Amino acid sequence: MDNEAVKYAIRAYVKEFDSVAIFLSSNGITEVSKALSEVRYLTILTNNFELYANATSRVSITGGVKQRNGLFGPEVLNRIEEFWANVTIFDVGGISANGFMCHWDDEREIKKLLFTKSTGVRLIPVSWKVIGRNDAFVVSLVRSINANIDRTGETIIVTKRPPEPPETDPEQVEDFHEELNSLKKLGIEIEIVD
């Protein structure tokens, strides 16, 4: 997860009185909590203990089996099914021509559901290093993201540009831009945070 990308996503899309589903890895959750505290009257659903503990809004935790810093299992899926979110925010471990991917088997079913469940907007804040990267489990094919946009809501990838060479290998920067262009050609909306 990229802290700047997720803070941008929250500030740009989350409004007062929204219901928000947030399923993010634990890196930078304190910053996420601060950004959420700037918006009043939210109702939040999460499986993340740290976000639950630090939130200033009304937060429901999903229930489930504790693994790492969150909850997983059928209880999580049931709670997501019961919750309608104006904004859904979650991260993935890889985005490539092979699809949107995650690293852990126990999060795969959660992310699959988040890709198909109706929402106002689906935000995927990621590090630039995730673009073009494959990970362990495919949770959604890139081509299917916008197939049911009228039913499931718009999906927007939020990321930052890679640092320019010599800080970053020029080939990595070129690969990033090529992958972004490929995703855009497939109809995926991308917002770059400067």
C-alpha atoms as a PDB file:
ATOM      1  CA  MET A   1       0.000   0.000   0.000  1.00  0.00           C
ATOM      2  CA  ASP A   2       1.210   3.506  -0.741  1.00  0.00           C
ATOM      3  CA  ASN A   3       0.366   5.922   2.086  1.00  0.00           C
ATOM      4  CA  GLU A   4       0.165   8.957  -0.198  1.00  0.00           C
ATOM      5  CA  ALA A   5      -2.112   7.140  -2.641  1.00  0.00           C
ATOM      6  CA  VAL A   6      -4.515   5.965   0.057  1.00  0.00           C
ATOM      7  CA  LYS A   7      -4.636   9.378   1.750  1.00  0.00           C
ATOM      8  CA  TYR A   8      -5.363  10.967  -1.639  1.00  0.00           C
ATOM      9  CA  ALA A   9      -8.112   8.401  -2.324  1.00  0.00           C
ATOM     10  CA  ILE A  10      -9.767   9.132   1.032  1.00  0.00           C
ATOM     11  CA  ARG A  11      -9.550  12.911   0.665  1.00  0.00           C
ATOM     12  CA  ALA A  12     -10.774  12.884  -2.952  1.00  0.00           C
ATOM     13  CA  TYR A  13     -13.622  10.380  -2.682  1.00  0.00           C
ATOM     14  CA  VAL A  14     -14.827   9.920   0.907  1.00  0.00           C
ATOM     15  CA  LYS A  15     -17.491  12.442   1.916  1.00  0.00           C
ATOM     16  CA  GLU A  16     -19.512  13.109   5.073  1.00  0.00           C
ATOM     17  CA  PHE A  17     -22.101  10.418   5.879  1.00  0.00           C
ATOM     18  CA  ASP A  18     -20.480   7.871   3.508  1.00  0.00           C
ATOM     19  CA  SER A  19     -20.384   4.197   4.292  1.00  0.00           C
ATOM     20  CA  VAL A  20     -16.865   2.969   3.598  1.00  0.00           C
ATOM     21  CA  ALA A  21     -15.481  -0.571   3.340  1.00  0.00           C
ATOM     22  CA  ILE A  22     -11.720  -0.565   3.976  1.00  0.00           C
ATOM     23  CA  PHE A  23      -9.612  -3.685   3.598  1.00  0.00           C
ATOM     24  CA  LEU A  24      -5.962  -2.631   3.605  1.00  0.00           C
ATOM     25  CA  SER A  25      -2.704  -4.160   4.760  1.00  0.00           C
ATOM     26  CA  SER A  26      -1.411  -2.754   8.026  1.00  0.00           C
ATOM     27  CA  ASN A  27       1.412  -0.629   6.623  1.00  0.00           C
ATOM     28  CA  GLY A  28       0.503   2.988   7.266  1.00  0.00           C
ATOM     29  CA  ILE A  29      -2.897   2.384   8.866  1.00  0.00           C
ATOM     30  CA  THR A  30      -2.200   5.204  11.341  1.00  0.00           C
ATOM     31  CA  GLU A  31      -2.014   7.617   8.398  1.00  0.00           C
ATOM     32  CA  VAL A  32      -5.234   6.150   6.994  1.00  0.00           C
ATOM     33  CA  SER A  33      -6.944   6.719  10.359  1.00  0.00           C
ATOM     34  CA  LYS A  34      -5.793  10.359  10.365  1.00  0.00           C
ATOM     35  CA  ALA A  35      -7.157  10.945   6.844  1.00  0.00           C
ATOM     36  CA  LEU A  36     -10.470   9.325   7.795  1.00  0.00           C
ATOM     37  CA  SER A  37     -10.722  11.477  10.928  1.00  0.00           C
ATOM     38  CA  GLU A  38     -10.909  14.544   8.664  1.00  0.00           C
ATOM     39  CA  VAL A  39     -14.316  13.349   7.384  1.00  0.00           C
ATOM     40  CA  ARG A  40     -17.284  13.383   9.759  1.00  0.00           C
ATOM     41  CA  TYR A  41     -20.131  10.942  10.243  1.00  0.00           C
ATOM     42  CA  LEU A  42     -18.657   7.930   8.471  1.00  0.00           C
ATOM     43  CA  THR A  43     -19.711   4.348   8.943  1.00  0.00           C
ATOM     44  CA  ILE A  44     -16.760   2.056   8.284  1.00  0.00           C
ATOM     45  CA  LEU A  45     -16.487  -1.699   7.842  1.00  0.00           C
ATOM     46  CA  THR A  46     -13.020  -3.243   8.155  1.00  0.00           C
ATOM     47  CA  ASN A  47     -11.205  -6.412   9.108  1.00  0.00           C
ATOM     48  CA  ASN A  48      -8.123  -4.485  10.295  1.00  0.00           C
ATOM     49  CA  PHE A  49      -7.585  -4.316  14.081  1.00  0.00           C
ATOM     50  CA  GLU A  50      -5.360  -1.236  13.956  1.00  0.00           C
ATOM     51  CA  LEU A  51      -7.856   0.761  11.900  1.00  0.00           C
ATOM     52  CA  TYR A  52     -10.641  -0.361  14.230  1.00  0.00           C
ATOM     53  CA  ALA A  53      -8.647   0.716  17.294  1.00  0.00           C
ATOM     54  CA  ASN A  54      -7.592   4.117  15.916  1.00  0.00           C
ATOM     55  CA  ALA A  55     -10.706   5.262  14.071  1.00  0.00           C
ATOM     56  CA  THR A  56     -12.665   8.284  15.223  1.00  0.00           C
ATOM     57  CA  SER A  57     -15.756   7.316  13.191  1.00  0.00           C
ATOM     58  CA  ARG A  58     -18.290   4.586  13.735  1.00  0.00           C
ATOM     59  CA  VAL A  59     -16.431   1.363  12.857  1.00  0.00           C
ATOM     60  CA  SER A  60     -17.709  -2.188  12.546  1.00  0.00           C
ATOM     61  CA  ILE A  61     -15.180  -4.971  12.598  1.00  0.00           C
ATOM     62  CA  THR A  62     -16.086  -8.000  10.519  1.00  0.00           C
ATOM     63  CA  GLY A  63     -15.508 -10.892  12.887  1.00  0.00           C
ATOM     64  CA  GLY A  64     -13.617 -13.949  11.722  1.00  0.00           C
ATOM     65  CA  VAL A  65     -10.354 -15.717  12.434  1.00  0.00           C
ATOM     66  CA  LYS A  66      -7.355 -13.576  13.490  1.00  0.00           C
ATOM     67  CA  GLN A  67      -4.372 -13.813  11.172  1.00  0.00           C
ATOM     68  CA  ARG A  68      -1.593 -11.242  10.996  1.00  0.00           C
ATOM     69  CA  ASN A  69      -3.292  -7.915  11.918  1.00  0.00           C
ATOM     70  CA  GLY A  70      -6.766  -8.707  10.629  1.00  0.00           C
ATOM     71  CA  LEU A  71      -9.703 -11.050  10.503  1.00  0.00           C
ATOM     72  CA  PHE A  72     -10.355 -13.590   7.773  1.00  0.00           C
ATOM     73  CA  GLY A  73     -12.803 -16.359   6.956  1.00  0.00           C
ATOM     74  CA  PRO A  74     -16.495 -16.812   6.122  1.00  0.00           C
ATOM     75  CA  GLU A  75     -17.642 -14.304   8.752  1.00  0.00           C
ATOM     76  CA  VAL A  76     -15.787 -11.550   6.898  1.00  0.00           C
ATOM     77  CA  LEU A  77     -17.472 -12.473   3.614  1.00  0.00           C
ATOM     78  CA  ASN A  78     -20.899 -12.493   5.279  1.00  0.00           C
ATOM     79  CA  ARG A  79     -20.368  -9.015   6.757  1.00  0.00           C
ATOM     80  CA  ILE A  80     -19.207  -7.633   3.402  1.00  0.00           C
ATOM     81  CA  GLU A  81     -22.322  -9.072   1.744  1.00  0.00           C
ATOM     82  CA  GLU A  82     -24.521  -7.292   4.320  1.00  0.00           C
ATOM     83  CA  PHE A  83     -22.782  -3.909   3.986  1.00  0.00           C
ATOM     84  CA  TRP A  84     -23.415  -1.419   1.175  1.00  0.00           C
ATOM     85  CA  ALA A  85     -20.458   0.919   0.731  1.00  0.00           C
ATOM     86  CA  ASN A  86     -20.494   4.255  -1.082  1.00  0.00           C
ATOM     87  CA  VAL A  87     -16.722   3.839  -1.249  1.00  0.00           C
ATOM     88  CA  THR A  88     -14.729   0.600  -1.135  1.00  0.00           C
ATOM     89  CA  ILE A  89     -10.974   0.876  -0.573  1.00  0.00           C
ATOM     90  CA  PHE A  90      -8.583  -2.069  -0.704  1.00  0.00           C
ATOM     91  CA  ASP A  91      -5.087  -2.880  -1.850  1.00  0.00           C
ATOM     92  CA  VAL A  92      -3.688  -5.650  -4.011  1.00  0.00           C
ATOM     93  CA  GLY A  93      -0.219  -7.141  -4.273  1.00  0.00           C
ATOM     94  CA  GLY A  94       0.069  -7.057  -8.056  1.00  0.00           C
ATOM     95  CA  ILE A  95      -1.600  -5.615 -11.152  1.00  0.00           C
ATOM     96  CA  SER A  96      -0.545  -7.024 -14.504  1.00  0.00           C
ATOM     97  CA  ALA A  97      -2.001  -8.375 -17.736  1.00  0.00           C
ATOM     98  CA  ASN A  98      -2.678 -11.528 -15.683  1.00  0.00           C
ATOM     99  CA  GLY A  99      -5.057  -9.630 -13.410  1.00  0.00           C
ATOM    100  CA  PHE A 100      -5.372  -8.027 -10.013  1.00  0.00           C
ATOM    101  CA  MET A 101      -3.537 -10.258  -7.550  1.00  0.00           C
ATOM    102  CA  CYS A 102      -3.005 -10.716  -3.826  1.00  0.00           C
ATOM    103  CA  HIS A 103      -0.302 -12.400  -1.789  1.00  0.00           C
ATOM    104  CA  TRP A 104      -2.202 -14.410   0.818  1.00  0.00           C
ATOM    105  CA  ASP A 105      -4.664 -17.221   0.206  1.00  0.00           C
ATOM    106  CA  ASP A 106      -6.895 -16.091   3.092  1.00  0.00           C
ATOM    107  CA  GLU A 107      -7.409 -12.638   1.549  1.00  0.00           C
ATOM    108  CA  ARG A 108      -8.189 -13.965  -1.944  1.00  0.00           C
ATOM    109  CA  GLU A 109     -11.898 -14.592  -1.314  1.00  0.00           C
ATOM    110  CA  ILE A 110     -12.299 -11.194   0.364  1.00  0.00           C
ATOM    111  CA  LYS A 111     -10.724  -9.357  -2.573  1.00  0.00           C
ATOM    112  CA  LYS A 112     -12.740 -11.406  -5.089  1.00  0.00           C
ATOM    113  CA  LEU A 113     -15.937 -10.358  -3.350  1.00  0.00           C
ATOM    114  CA  LEU A 114     -14.848  -6.710  -3.149  1.00  0.00           C
ATOM    115  CA  PHE A 115     -14.328  -6.715  -6.933  1.00  0.00           C
ATOM    116  CA  THR A 116     -17.832  -8.037  -7.655  1.00  0.00           C
ATOM    117  CA  LYS A 117     -19.958  -6.449  -4.912  1.00  0.00           C
ATOM    118  CA  SER A 118     -21.882  -3.295  -5.788  1.00  0.00           C
ATOM    119  CA  THR A 119     -20.348  -0.038  -4.561  1.00  0.00           C
ATOM    120  CA  GLY A 120     -20.364   3.610  -5.560  1.00  0.00           C
ATOM    121  CA  VAL A 121     -16.653   3.597  -6.365  1.00  0.00           C
ATOM    122  CA  ARG A 122     -13.909   1.022  -5.812  1.00  0.00           C
ATOM    123  CA  LEU A 123     -10.492   2.542  -5.046  1.00  0.00           C
ATOM    124  CA  ILE A 124      -7.289   0.540  -5.211  1.00  0.00           C
ATOM    125  CA  PRO A 125      -4.403   2.586  -3.774  1.00  0.00           C
ATOM    126  CA  VAL A 126      -1.098   0.911  -4.572  1.00  0.00           C
ATOM    127  CA  SER A 127       2.624   1.569  -4.716  1.00  0.00           C
ATOM    128  CA  TRP A 128       3.985   2.145  -8.210  1.00  0.00           C
ATOM    129  CA  LYS A 129       5.957  -1.094  -7.719  1.00  0.00           C
ATOM    130  CA  VAL A 130       2.683  -3.083  -7.782  1.00  0.00           C
ATOM    131  CA  ILE A 131       1.913  -1.963 -11.359  1.00  0.00           C
ATOM    132  CA  GLY A 132       3.187  -4.672 -13.725  1.00  0.00           C
ATOM    133  CA  ARG A 133       3.913  -7.084 -10.870  1.00  0.00           C
ATOM    134  CA  ASN A 134       2.470 -10.571 -10.549  1.00  0.00           C
ATOM    135  CA  ASP A 135       1.600 -11.976  -7.142  1.00  0.00           C
ATOM    136  CA  ALA A 136       0.447 -15.346  -5.817  1.00  0.00           C
ATOM    137  CA  PHE A 137      -3.342 -15.377  -6.367  1.00  0.00           C
ATOM    138  CA  VAL A 138      -5.472 -13.808  -9.109  1.00  0.00           C
ATOM    139  CA  VAL A 139      -8.568 -12.175  -7.610  1.00  0.00           C
ATOM    140  CA  SER A 140      -9.952 -10.527 -10.757  1.00  0.00           C
ATOM    141  CA  LEU A 141      -9.057 -10.480 -14.415  1.00  0.00           C
ATOM    142  CA  VAL A 142      -8.253  -7.015 -15.718  1.00  0.00           C
ATOM    143  CA  ARG A 143     -10.607  -7.423 -18.680  1.00  0.00           C
ATOM    144  CA  SER A 144     -13.573  -8.222 -16.418  1.00  0.00           C
ATOM    145  CA  ILE A 145     -13.279  -5.156 -14.162  1.00  0.00           C
ATOM    146  CA  ASN A 146     -15.530  -2.924 -16.227  1.00  0.00           C
ATOM    147  CA  ALA A 147     -17.781  -5.668 -17.608  1.00  0.00           C
ATOM    148  CA  ASN A 148     -20.471  -4.981 -15.006  1.00  0.00           C
ATOM    149  CA  ILE A 149     -19.667  -1.358 -14.167  1.00  0.00           C
ATOM    150  CA  ASP A 150     -23.361  -0.403 -14.118  1.00  0.00           C
ATOM    151  CA  ARG A 151     -23.972  -3.056 -11.472  1.00  0.00           C
ATOM    152  CA  THR A 152     -20.746  -3.075  -9.491  1.00  0.00           C
ATOM    153  CA  GLY A 153     -19.401   0.489  -9.659  1.00  0.00           C
ATOM    154  CA  GLU A 154     -16.336   2.144 -11.097  1.00  0.00           C
ATOM    155  CA  THR A 155     -12.827   0.891 -10.280  1.00  0.00           C
ATOM    156  CA  ILE A 156      -9.987   3.399  -9.978  1.00  0.00           C
ATOM    157  CA  ILE A 157      -6.324   2.572  -9.371  1.00  0.00           C
ATOM    158  CA  VAL A 158      -4.585   5.302  -7.353  1.00  0.00           C
ATOM    159  CA  THR A 159      -0.779   5.349  -7.409  1.00  0.00           C
ATOM    160  CA  LYS A 160       2.279   7.593  -7.483  1.00  0.00           C
ATOM    161  CA  ARG A 161       4.843   7.946 -10.241  1.00  0.00           C
ATOM    162  CA  PRO A 162       8.124   6.134  -9.631  1.00  0.00           C
ATOM    163  CA  PRO A 163      11.059   8.298  -8.654  1.00  0.00           C
ATOM    164  CA  GLU A 164      13.024   9.414 -11.708  1.00  0.00           C
ATOM    165  CA  PRO A 165      16.426   7.914 -12.580  1.00  0.00           C
ATOM    166  CA  PRO A 166      19.040   7.655 -11.159  1.00  0.00           C
ATOM    167  CA  GLU A 167      16.922   7.007  -8.033  1.00  0.00           C
ATOM    168  CA  THR A 168      15.040   4.309  -9.955  1.00  0.00           C
ATOM    169  CA  ASP A 169      16.249   2.018 -12.726  1.00  0.00           C
ATOM    170  CA  PRO A 170      15.182   3.640 -16.040  1.00  0.00           C
ATOM    171  CA  GLU A 171      13.893   0.270 -17.257  1.00  0.00           C
ATOM    172  CA  GLN A 172      11.546   0.048 -14.252  1.00  0.00           C
ATOM    173  CA  VAL A 173      10.190   3.523 -15.000  1.00  0.00           C
ATOM    174  CA  GLU A 174       9.623   2.593 -18.645  1.00  0.00           C
ATOM    175  CA  ASP A 175       7.911  -0.687 -17.642  1.00  0.00           C
ATOM    176  CA  PHE A 176       5.629   1.227 -15.253  1.00  0.00           C
ATOM    177  CA  HIS A 177       4.489   3.625 -17.991  1.00  0.00           C
ATOM    178  CA  GLU A 178       3.992   0.800 -20.507  1.00  0.00           C
ATOM    179  CA  GLU A 179       1.886  -1.147 -18.008  1.00  0.00           C
ATOM    180  CA  LEU A 180      -0.212   1.944 -17.206  1.00  0.00           C
ATOM    181  CA  ASN A 181      -0.875   2.458 -20.916  1.00  0.00           C
ATOM    182  CA  SER A 182      -1.920  -1.188 -21.286  1.00  0.00           C
ATOM    183  CA  LEU A 183      -4.330  -0.872 -18.346  1.00  0.00           C
ATOM    184  CA  LYS A 184      -5.797   2.363 -19.736  1.00  0.00           C
ATOM    185  CA  LYS A 185      -6.373   0.679 -23.114  1.00  0.00           C
ATOM    186  CA  LEU A 186      -8.412  -1.937 -21.254  1.00  0.00           C
ATOM    187  CA  GLY A 187     -10.595   0.816 -19.802  1.00  0.00           C
ATOM    188  CA  ILE A 188      -9.098   0.918 -16.306  1.00  0.00           C
ATOM    189  CA  GLU A 189      -9.145   4.387 -14.783  1.00  0.00           C
ATOM    190  CA  ILE A 190      -5.894   5.448 -13.127  1.00  0.00           C
ATOM    191  CA  GLU A 191      -5.207   8.492 -10.976  1.00  0.00           C
ATOM    192  CA  ILE A 192      -1.616   9.521 -10.438  1.00  0.00           C
ATOM    193  CA  VAL A 193      -0.857  11.287  -7.145  1.00  0.00           C
ATOM    194  CA  ASP A 194       1.896  13.880  -7.529  1.00  0.00           C
END
